[in-house]
Amino acid sequence: MERRTIGATALGVGAVGLGCMPMSWAYSASQQRGDRSLRTVHAALDAGVTLLDTADMYGPFTNELLLGRVLRQRRAEAFVSTKCGLLVGEQHIVANGRPGYVRRACDASLRRLQTDVIDLYQLHRADPEVPVEETWGAMAELVSAGKVRALGLCAMAVRSSRRAGPGTDLYEGTIRQLERVQQVFPVSAVQAELSVWSREALVRLLPWCESRGVGFLAAMPLGNGFLTGTLTPGGGFEPEDLRARHPRFTAEMMAANQPIVVGLRRVARRHGGEAAGVTPAQVALAWVLGRGRHVVPVPGTKHERWAVENARAAELSLTAEDLAEIAALPPARGSWD
């Protein structure tokens, strides 16, 4: 697989990563099976994927434990990215950015992952009760201690800003945070949502990263599964599945957004379609890959088949005609507002 570098320290990773969250958290709990997930991670590594993205809150903790079983055998082949800063309660999630907690969280992640160093340690969310510089300073100490190689920050769009209309910068607050923490220790990567149907990061966040040599990890590059074309409008989701509460995944909105999938499928057919093994999901990932050499899509899956298919998207080159067709697709309908 093509290799890409992220951050000023030029960390090398495969062009497509693997989001491990669905294996333990947020999606179709009845289909979360440890042995199958282990096969999926191994298949991804075999296909050239190196970046494995997890977090201590996924499960919580069980996702890191699962990855640890793979890393015990194949640590040299993997680029390990995990996160801290969020605590999961029975009915709520809260941020914790206190330096003492960050240090304890890192040590716990190292034990679960069965490794002596984390390649990329990301701040999942800033704690509103703690100056972000203090949290980031504690994370920087982990680099000095040799427990972490590089630091990243997860960007959260302020979704209420959608009311302001297309082109609104939803990441203004994140950019202010990034500029503050950059004064403490270099940011190597930013993780934020980016896909054919969620393009808000293109306004300012992606250019900010590119101009500073910061890597961009594209979260949800397949639109929570919608852009794969494998979801049926009205098919329903399990109660704990985050899509069961997402406005874009009502039966009405999924039907209304089908033209986006139709367009991706049309581009896939231009490259041979299913007969050539080219799918709408691969087209969607190739579009994300084309946003810049500093961009690494991190599609999440718990299925071996999809992990391998996603990895092969790195081999797909979109033409100017393809890109023009994708640019002309209608904007997604339905949001959190």
Foldseek 3Di string as FASTA:
>chain_A
DDWFFWFPVGDIWAQAAAEALVLQAQAFNVPNDLVLLLLQVVLLLVLRGAEYEEECCRNNNVSLLSLLVVCVPVVVSHQAEYEDFWDDDPPDIAGDLALVVLVVRLVSSCVSNVHQAHAEYEYADDHPVDQVLNSLLSVVVCCVVVRYVAYAYEFDFPQVCCVVDPLDQRRPVVVVSQVVNCVRPNHGEYEYADWLQDHNCVNPVVVVCVVNRGAYEHECHCVLVLQQVPDQQVPAGPPSNPLNPAFCRHSVQSVVQVQLNVLLQVQQVVVVHVVVLGTSLLSGLLVQSVVDSRYRYHDYDSHNVVSSSNSCSVVDDGDPVSVVSSVPGDHRDGGPD
